[in-house]
């Protein structure tokens, strides 16, 4: 019974790792490395890049690291799609959307 439960637990963990975009088979000993390979950003932007971080006194600080907004997936931006997403964020250094073909009113 314990062997079946453990086997199911490892299978569930492997499936959760695959759901985050990691491919292939993995042993339980490989799982920590696979988890570490999961990206914590989207389009090159991490939460800290946009939101900043909290200092030792619990005060939210503005973003300090520069970042780029990069995506070859985005082809169209709807009205107001990115309107205030990066408003007055000096950490944003560049935008690269090589497959972008249309931007609707106030899209950026």
Protein backbone atom coordinates (compact mmCIF):
# COMPACT_ATOMS: atom_id res chain seq x y z
CA UNK A 1 0.00 0.00 0.00
CA UNK A 2 2.75 2.50 0.93
CA UNK A 3 4.59 1.67 -2.30
CA UNK A 4 1.44 2.38 -4.34
CA UNK A 5 0.81 5.66 -2.51
CA UNK A 6 4.41 6.78 -2.99
CA UNK A 7 4.36 5.80 -6.67
CA UNK A 8 1.13 7.77 -7.17
CA UNK A 9 2.56 10.78 -5.32
CA UNK A 10 5.66 10.84 -7.56
CA UNK A 11 3.47 10.44 -10.63
CA UNK A 12 1.32 13.39 -9.52
CA UNK A 13 4.42 15.52 -8.87
CA UNK A 14 5.85 14.64 -12.32
CA UNK A 15 2.54 15.55 -13.97
CA UNK A 16 2.46 18.89 -12.14
CA UNK A 17 6.00 19.62 -13.34
CA UNK A 18 5.00 18.74 -16.93
CA UNK A 19 1.97 21.03 -16.64
CA UNK A 20 4.44 23.90 -16.16
CA UNK A 21 6.04 23.14 -19.54
CA UNK A 22 8.86 20.77 -18.58
CA UNK A 23 8.97 17.79 -20.93
CA UNK A 24 10.19 14.24 -20.65
CA UNK A 25 10.32 11.53 -18.08
CA UNK A 26 11.95 12.01 -14.70
CA UNK A 27 12.91 10.02 -11.68
CA UNK A 28 12.16 11.28 -8.17
CA UNK A 29 15.83 12.29 -7.83
CA UNK A 30 15.59 14.40 -11.02
CA UNK A 31 12.45 16.23 -9.90
CA UNK A 32 14.20 19.00 -7.91
CA UNK A 33 16.29 19.91 -10.97
CA UNK A 34 13.20 19.86 -13.17
CA UNK A 35 11.34 22.13 -10.72
CA UNK A 36 14.30 24.53 -10.67
CA UNK A 37 14.14 24.75 -14.48
CA UNK A 38 10.57 26.09 -14.42
CA UNK A 39 10.56 29.73 -15.44
CA UNK A 40 9.06 32.18 -12.98
CA UNK A 41 8.60 34.85 -15.62
CA UNK A 42 6.37 35.39 -18.59
CA UNK A 43 7.56 37.18 -21.72
CA UNK A 44 10.82 37.91 -19.92
CA UNK A 45 9.06 39.77 -17.11
CA UNK A 46 9.14 38.61 -13.50
CA UNK A 47 6.80 39.82 -10.79
CA UNK A 48 9.70 41.58 -9.04
CA UNK A 49 10.46 43.49 -12.26
CA UNK A 50 7.01 45.05 -12.24
CA UNK A 51 6.04 45.08 -8.59
CA UNK A 52 9.39 45.62 -6.89
CA UNK A 53 10.33 43.86 -3.68
CA UNK A 54 9.89 44.39 0.05
CA UNK A 55 12.90 45.60 2.05
CA UNK A 56 13.94 44.45 5.54
CA UNK A 57 11.53 46.98 7.09
CA UNK A 58 8.54 45.67 5.14
CA UNK A 59 8.44 48.66 2.77
CA UNK A 60 7.59 47.96 -0.86
CA UNK A 61 10.44 49.23 -3.03
CA UNK A 62 10.14 50.19 -6.70
CA UNK A 63 11.58 47.76 -9.24
CA UNK A 64 15.36 47.99 -9.32
CA UNK A 65 16.35 45.47 -11.99
CA UNK A 66 15.85 46.34 -15.64
CA UNK A 67 13.86 44.00 -17.86
CA UNK A 68 12.73 43.52 -21.43
CA UNK A 69 9.24 42.60 -22.62
CA UNK A 70 9.78 39.89 -25.25
CA UNK A 71 7.31 37.63 -27.05
CA UNK A 72 7.17 36.00 -30.44
CA UNK A 73 3.68 34.66 -29.55
CA UNK A 74 1.87 38.00 -29.48
CA UNK A 75 0.42 38.87 -32.88
CA UNK A 76 -2.28 41.35 -31.92
CA UNK A 77 -2.90 43.68 -28.98
CA UNK A 78 -6.54 44.57 -28.28
CA UNK A 79 -7.79 48.00 -27.20
CA UNK A 80 -6.22 48.92 -23.86
CA UNK A 81 -4.42 45.53 -23.81
CA UNK A 82 -1.14 46.95 -22.50
CA UNK A 83 -2.30 50.51 -21.89
CA UNK A 84 -1.07 50.92 -18.30
CA UNK A 85 0.80 47.65 -17.81
CA UNK A 86 4.20 49.31 -17.77
CA UNK A 87 3.14 52.89 -17.13
CA UNK A 88 6.08 54.93 -15.87
CA UNK A 89 8.18 51.86 -15.12
CA UNK A 90 11.79 52.96 -15.66
CA UNK A 91 12.96 49.35 -15.34
CA UNK A 92 11.48 48.47 -18.75
CA UNK A 93 14.36 48.91 -21.19
CA UNK A 94 12.95 47.49 -24.42
CA UNK A 95 10.01 45.77 -26.08
CA UNK A 96 10.46 43.08 -28.73
CA UNK A 97 7.33 41.71 -30.41
CA UNK A 98 8.63 40.46 -33.76
CA UNK A 99 5.35 38.85 -34.87
CA UNK A 100 3.07 41.73 -33.85
CA UNK A 101 0.85 42.71 -36.78
CA UNK A 102 -1.86 44.87 -35.20
CA UNK A 103 -2.43 47.17 -32.24
CA UNK A 104 -5.96 48.42 -31.59
CA UNK A 105 -6.81 51.81 -30.09
CA UNK A 106 -4.77 52.57 -27.00
CA UNK A 107 -3.29 49.07 -27.12
CA UNK A 108 0.03 50.34 -25.81
